[in-house]
């Protein structure tokens, strides 16, 4: 069973007829246990006992009605002081409600207050106050992040948009050795991932300057197509693959100890994607450990020669 929130209405008796009673009545009709002195204090009761021990102490929230009359009331000042200390010590709610143009007491000036504009129609005010009483926020539900922000494996040093553009070409290279992404493909993929076209083109330029992609521009166009470089493909593999160093070692062993020279042959023997082996071939060539034979029209790379230095490393 849900326990109704208990709310103390701090107000001047002069504001009871014009606002406090109607507010308390409407709150109770909405399931809020509003405490109003005229309903709770009987002849012969102790005012201090009723107001502070029975009213304020168990309240989960205090509504302080601020008016020309209440800011002069000693009782209201005492109730606000009590509620302020209770908020600090217990985290209870203290909600200032202005029904006149008055100066807010110093202890409430750092608190967001609610202003009632029409005392003859307070239904919307009641709804807003209930939201405040139960700490219910009116923000719309939180949606999913744009897909380009949710990509896995991204190093912390790489911006999400840059990683998305790099990955787009790297994944294409896994299927096509060129890894070439034309402008239309780029813009369509960016739009589907929630990334603006301008931001996507900016990322191509940034990655090109870093040597991670090759930007193929043209007069009057920032990008006609682009493709991932060896360095860029390696960056992506490091972020998404496990054991890349061991793959490199296995490729070296295969090249030294077998007659396998084509990337697709080594890939089949090692159970690795051909694009990954092809990348390792390029790395070894850059290190001067192998020479590659590159033929137009063929997808697979071929090692033309293995250096003595590579053989020596494996001894």
Protein backbone atom coordinates (compact mmCIF):
# COMPACT_ATOMS: atom_id res chain seq x y z
CA UNK A 1 0.00 0.00 0.00
CA UNK A 2 1.39 3.40 -1.03
CA UNK A 3 1.69 5.89 1.84
CA UNK A 4 0.25 9.33 0.99
CA UNK A 5 2.80 12.16 1.20
CA UNK A 6 2.27 14.34 4.27
CA UNK A 7 2.35 18.09 3.56
CA UNK A 8 2.19 20.92 6.10
CA UNK A 9 0.59 24.16 4.85
CA UNK A 10 2.35 27.10 6.53
CA UNK A 11 0.22 30.22 6.10
CA UNK A 12 -1.23 33.30 7.75
CA UNK A 13 -4.80 33.03 9.00
CA UNK A 14 -5.61 35.98 6.72
CA UNK A 15 -4.83 33.78 3.70
CA UNK A 16 -6.95 30.84 4.78
CA UNK A 17 -10.12 31.87 2.96
CA UNK A 18 -8.41 33.29 -0.12
CA UNK A 19 -6.02 30.41 -0.74
CA UNK A 20 -4.80 28.00 1.97
CA UNK A 21 -8.05 26.08 2.54
CA UNK A 22 -8.72 25.63 -1.17
CA UNK A 23 -5.15 24.46 -1.74
CA UNK A 24 -5.30 21.94 1.11
CA UNK A 25 -8.70 20.66 -0.03
CA UNK A 26 -7.56 20.13 -3.63
CA UNK A 27 -4.34 18.45 -2.48
CA UNK A 28 -6.27 15.99 -0.34
CA UNK A 29 -8.59 15.25 -3.26
CA UNK A 30 -5.48 14.29 -5.25
CA UNK A 31 -4.18 11.89 -2.59
CA UNK A 32 -1.88 14.25 -0.70
CA UNK A 33 -2.33 14.29 3.09
CA UNK A 34 -2.40 18.08 3.51
CA UNK A 35 -2.22 19.26 7.14
CA UNK A 36 -4.20 22.44 7.84
CA UNK A 37 -4.39 23.86 11.34
CA UNK A 38 -8.18 24.41 11.42
CA UNK A 39 -8.72 20.70 10.68
CA UNK A 40 -6.19 19.41 13.21
CA UNK A 41 -6.17 21.77 16.22
CA UNK A 42 -9.07 21.54 18.64
CA UNK A 43 -9.96 23.79 21.60
CA UNK A 44 -7.67 23.01 24.51
CA UNK A 45 -4.84 21.64 22.31
CA UNK A 46 -1.30 22.96 22.69
CA UNK A 47 -0.45 25.08 19.65
CA UNK A 48 3.26 24.27 19.88
CA UNK A 49 2.59 20.54 20.23
CA UNK A 50 0.14 20.46 17.33
CA UNK A 51 2.01 22.73 14.91
CA UNK A 52 5.51 21.41 15.43
CA UNK A 53 5.28 17.87 16.82
CA UNK A 54 2.12 16.74 15.01
CA UNK A 55 2.21 18.95 11.91
CA UNK A 56 5.74 19.89 10.88
CA UNK A 57 7.82 17.06 12.31
CA UNK A 58 6.22 14.16 10.38
CA UNK A 59 5.71 16.18 7.18
CA UNK A 60 7.62 15.05 4.08
CA UNK A 61 7.08 18.50 2.55
CA UNK A 62 6.18 22.00 3.73
CA UNK A 63 4.40 24.51 1.53
CA UNK A 64 5.18 28.04 2.72
CA UNK A 65 2.44 30.39 1.52
CA UNK A 66 4.09 33.80 1.10
CA UNK A 67 1.83 36.84 1.14
CA UNK A 68 1.75 40.34 2.52
CA UNK A 69 0.21 38.95 5.69
CA UNK A 70 2.39 35.86 6.13
CA UNK A 71 5.75 37.65 5.87
CA UNK A 72 4.69 39.67 8.93
CA UNK A 73 3.53 36.59 10.87
CA UNK A 74 5.80 35.42 13.69
CA UNK A 75 4.26 31.95 13.56
CA UNK A 76 4.92 31.59 9.83
CA UNK A 77 8.54 32.70 10.30
CA UNK A 78 8.99 30.08 13.04
CA UNK A 79 7.43 27.38 10.85
CA UNK A 80 9.66 28.29 7.90
CA UNK A 81 12.76 28.25 10.12
CA UNK A 82 11.79 24.80 11.42
CA UNK A 83 11.12 23.52 7.90
CA UNK A 84 14.43 24.94 6.65
CA UNK A 85 16.40 23.09 9.33
CA UNK A 86 14.40 19.93 8.61
CA UNK A 87 15.26 20.20 4.92
CA UNK A 88 18.97 20.52 5.72
CA UNK A 89 19.01 17.66 8.23
CA UNK A 90 16.50 15.25 6.68
CA UNK A 91 16.20 16.25 3.03
CA UNK A 92 12.49 17.05 3.26
CA UNK A 93 10.89 19.39 0.72
CA UNK A 94 10.33 23.12 1.41
CA UNK A 95 8.26 24.76 -1.31
CA UNK A 96 7.69 28.55 -1.28
CA UNK A 97 4.39 29.56 -2.91
CA UNK A 98 3.89 33.27 -3.63
CA UNK A 99 0.35 34.62 -3.78
CA UNK A 100 1.34 38.30 -3.47
CA UNK A 101 4.24 40.40 -4.75
CA UNK A 102 6.42 40.22 -1.65
CA UNK A 103 10.10 39.86 -0.85
CA UNK A 104 11.03 36.24 -0.28
CA UNK A 105 12.58 35.55 3.17
CA UNK A 106 16.40 35.22 3.08
CA UNK A 107 16.43 31.49 3.89
CA UNK A 108 14.22 30.80 0.84
CA UNK A 109 15.91 33.04 -1.71
CA UNK A 110 18.11 30.23 -3.02
CA UNK A 111 15.06 27.97 -3.44
CA UNK A 112 12.99 27.89 -6.62
CA UNK A 113 9.54 29.17 -5.69
CA UNK A 114 6.13 28.82 -7.31
CA UNK A 115 4.02 31.90 -8.09
CA UNK A 116 0.23 31.64 -8.22
CA UNK A 117 -1.14 33.99 -10.88
CA UNK A 118 -4.88 33.46 -10.45
CA UNK A 119 -6.25 32.68 -6.99
CA UNK A 120 -9.67 31.91 -8.49
CA UNK A 121 -8.30 29.02 -10.58
CA UNK A 122 -5.49 27.04 -8.94
CA UNK A 123 -5.94 23.62 -10.54
CA UNK A 124 -2.77 23.86 -12.62
CA UNK A 125 -0.91 25.19 -9.57
CA UNK A 126 -2.04 22.17 -7.56
CA UNK A 127 -0.75 19.81 -10.26
CA UNK A 128 2.64 21.52 -10.34
CA UNK A 129 2.88 21.48 -6.54
CA UNK A 130 2.09 17.76 -6.42
CA UNK A 131 4.92 17.18 -8.89
CA UNK A 132 7.22 19.12 -6.55
CA UNK A 133 5.96 17.29 -3.45
CA UNK A 134 6.69 13.84 -4.90
CA UNK A 135 9.79 15.01 -6.86
CA UNK A 136 8.17 14.08 -10.17
CA UNK A 137 9.96 15.70 -13.09
CA UNK A 138 8.21 16.63 -16.32
CA UNK A 139 11.17 15.98 -18.61
CA UNK A 140 10.36 13.82 -21.64
CA UNK A 141 11.65 10.22 -21.55
CA UNK A 142 15.32 9.69 -22.34
CA UNK A 143 15.80 8.30 -25.83
CA UNK A 144 18.60 6.21 -27.25
CA UNK A 145 21.90 7.79 -28.22
CA UNK A 146 22.48 8.32 -31.94
CA UNK A 147 24.02 5.12 -33.36
CA UNK A 148 27.34 6.80 -34.18
CA UNK A 149 27.83 7.50 -30.45
CA UNK A 150 27.20 3.88 -29.48
CA UNK A 151 30.00 2.29 -31.54
CA UNK A 152 32.17 -0.07 -29.50
CA UNK A 153 35.96 -0.21 -29.31
CA UNK A 154 36.55 3.51 -29.78
CA UNK A 155 39.78 4.71 -28.13
CA UNK A 156 39.25 7.61 -25.74
CA UNK A 157 41.49 9.86 -27.85
CA UNK A 158 39.25 9.51 -30.94
CA UNK A 159 36.08 11.57 -31.32
CA UNK A 160 32.88 9.51 -31.85
CA UNK A 161 32.19 11.04 -35.27
CA UNK A 162 35.78 10.37 -36.40
CA UNK A 163 35.56 6.77 -35.21
CA UNK A 164 32.29 6.24 -37.08
CA UNK A 165 33.82 7.52 -40.33
CA UNK A 166 36.96 5.44 -39.83
CA UNK A 167 34.93 2.33 -39.06
CA UNK A 168 32.72 2.85 -42.12
CA UNK A 169 35.70 2.49 -44.45
CA UNK A 170 37.44 -0.17 -42.33
CA UNK A 171 34.39 -2.41 -42.44
CA UNK A 172 34.17 -1.91 -46.19
CA UNK A 173 37.82 -2.91 -46.48
CA UNK A 174 36.93 -6.18 -44.78
CA UNK A 175 34.79 -6.88 -47.87
CA UNK A 176 36.63 -4.93 -50.55
CA UNK A 177 40.41 -4.40 -50.45
CA UNK A 178 40.08 -0.76 -51.53
CA UNK A 179 37.83 0.20 -48.61
CA UNK A 180 36.58 3.00 -50.84
CA UNK A 181 33.49 4.89 -49.61
CA UNK A 182 31.97 7.36 -52.05
CA UNK A 183 30.36 10.63 -50.99
CA UNK A 184 26.80 9.37 -51.37
CA UNK A 185 27.49 6.30 -49.23
CA UNK A 186 29.16 8.50 -46.64
CA UNK A 187 26.28 10.96 -46.36
CA UNK A 188 23.60 8.27 -46.32
CA UNK A 189 25.38 6.28 -43.61
CA UNK A 190 25.95 9.43 -41.54
CA UNK A 191 22.28 10.41 -41.76
CA UNK A 192 21.16 6.92 -40.72
CA UNK A 193 23.51 7.09 -37.72
CA UNK A 194 22.32 10.51 -36.56
CA UNK A 195 25.43 12.36 -37.72
CA UNK A 196 25.12 15.51 -39.82
CA UNK A 197 26.65 15.58 -43.28
CA UNK A 198 28.89 18.53 -42.41
CA UNK A 199 30.23 16.75 -39.32
CA UNK A 200 30.89 13.62 -41.39
CA UNK A 201 32.84 15.59 -43.99
CA UNK A 202 34.77 17.35 -41.23
CA UNK A 203 35.75 13.96 -39.82
CA UNK A 204 37.07 12.84 -43.21
CA UNK A 205 39.29 15.94 -43.32
CA UNK A 206 40.51 15.44 -39.75
CA UNK A 207 41.29 11.77 -40.30
CA UNK A 208 43.04 12.59 -43.60
CA UNK A 209 45.36 15.03 -41.81
CA UNK A 210 46.14 12.33 -39.25
CA UNK A 211 46.97 9.83 -41.98
CA UNK A 212 44.15 7.47 -41.01
CA UNK A 213 42.14 7.88 -44.22
CA UNK A 214 42.88 9.07 -47.73
CA UNK A 215 40.50 11.86 -48.77
CA UNK A 216 39.81 11.96 -52.47
CA UNK A 217 38.48 15.45 -53.02
CA UNK A 218 37.76 17.41 -56.15
CA UNK A 219 37.50 21.02 -57.18
CA UNK A 220 34.46 22.47 -55.45
CA UNK A 221 33.81 19.37 -53.32
CA UNK A 222 35.26 18.54 -49.93
CA UNK A 223 35.09 14.80 -50.55
CA UNK A 224 34.28 12.70 -53.60
CA UNK A 225 35.34 9.49 -51.86
CA UNK A 226 37.70 8.33 -49.15
CA UNK A 227 39.36 5.12 -48.04
CA UNK A 228 41.04 3.88 -44.89
CA UNK A 229 44.85 3.81 -44.87
CA UNK A 230 47.01 1.04 -43.45
CA UNK A 231 47.48 3.09 -40.28
CA UNK A 232 43.76 3.78 -40.03
CA UNK A 233 42.83 0.13 -40.56
CA UNK A 234 45.32 -0.85 -37.87
CA UNK A 235 43.81 1.72 -35.49
CA UNK A 236 40.37 0.23 -36.06
CA UNK A 237 41.63 -3.34 -35.69
CA UNK A 238 43.32 -2.48 -32.40
CA UNK A 239 40.02 -1.12 -31.08
CA UNK A 240 37.82 -3.97 -32.27
CA UNK A 241 40.04 -7.08 -32.46
CA UNK A 242 41.62 -9.19 -29.77
CA UNK A 243 45.13 -10.62 -30.14
CA UNK A 244 46.23 -8.62 -33.19
CA UNK A 245 49.87 -9.00 -32.14
CA UNK A 246 49.52 -12.79 -32.08
CA UNK A 247 48.01 -12.68 -35.59
CA UNK A 248 51.06 -10.75 -36.79
CA UNK A 249 53.37 -13.37 -35.25
CA UNK A 250 51.37 -16.20 -36.84
CA UNK A 251 51.55 -14.57 -40.27
CA UNK A 252 55.32 -14.17 -39.94
CA UNK A 253 55.71 -17.85 -39.03
CA UNK A 254 53.56 -18.87 -42.01
CA UNK A 255 55.63 -16.77 -44.41
CA UNK A 256 58.97 -18.12 -43.13
CA UNK A 257 58.06 -21.77 -42.64
CA UNK A 258 55.68 -22.42 -45.54
CA UNK A 259 55.38 -21.60 -49.21
CA UNK A 260 52.18 -19.65 -48.64
CA UNK A 261 52.54 -16.20 -50.15
CA UNK A 262 49.05 -15.02 -51.03
CA UNK A 263 46.98 -13.26 -48.37
CA UNK A 264 43.97 -15.48 -49.03
CA UNK A 265 46.12 -18.62 -48.56
CA UNK A 266 47.58 -17.45 -45.25
CA UNK A 267 44.16 -16.25 -44.08
CA UNK A 268 42.59 -19.65 -44.79
CA UNK A 269 45.40 -21.48 -42.98
CA UNK A 270 45.16 -19.24 -39.91
CA UNK A 271 41.39 -18.88 -39.86
CA UNK A 272 41.66 -15.10 -40.09
CA UNK A 273 39.84 -12.62 -42.32
CA UNK A 274 41.78 -11.99 -45.50
CA UNK A 275 41.66 -8.23 -44.93
CA UNK A 276 43.47 -8.66 -41.60
CA UNK A 277 46.24 -10.75 -43.16
CA UNK A 278 46.46 -8.27 -46.02
CA UNK A 279 46.95 -5.52 -43.40
CA UNK A 280 49.74 -7.50 -41.72
CA UNK A 281 51.46 -7.87 -45.10
CA UNK A 282 51.39 -4.07 -45.51
CA UNK A 283 52.78 -3.54 -42.01
CA UNK A 284 55.62 -5.96 -42.69
CA UNK A 285 56.37 -4.18 -45.95
CA UNK A 286 56.47 -0.80 -44.19
CA UNK A 287 58.94 -2.31 -41.69
CA UNK A 288 61.11 -3.54 -44.58
CA UNK A 289 60.61 -7.20 -43.66
CA UNK A 290 58.86 -8.34 -46.86
CA UNK A 291 58.30 -7.09 -50.36
CA UNK A 292 54.84 -7.24 -51.92
CA UNK A 293 53.78 -7.92 -55.44
CA UNK A 294 50.76 -5.75 -56.23
CA UNK A 295 48.69 -6.46 -59.29
CA UNK A 296 45.85 -4.36 -60.55
CA UNK A 297 42.53 -6.13 -60.57
CA UNK A 298 43.36 -8.61 -57.82
CA UNK A 299 41.88 -8.39 -54.39
CA UNK A 300 44.54 -10.35 -52.54
CA UNK A 301 48.09 -9.22 -51.81
CA UNK A 302 51.06 -11.45 -52.46
CA UNK A 303 54.45 -11.55 -50.75
CA UNK A 304 57.18 -11.55 -53.37
CA UNK A 305 60.06 -11.93 -50.95
CA UNK A 306 60.91 -12.45 -47.27
CA UNK A 307 64.00 -10.74 -45.87
CA UNK A 308 66.70 -12.38 -43.83
CA UNK A 309 65.82 -10.04 -40.95
CA UNK A 310 62.32 -11.53 -40.69
CA UNK A 311 63.74 -15.08 -40.73
CA UNK A 312 66.25 -14.11 -38.06
CA UNK A 313 63.51 -12.71 -35.80
CA UNK A 314 61.83 -16.09 -35.69
CA UNK A 315 64.91 -18.10 -34.75
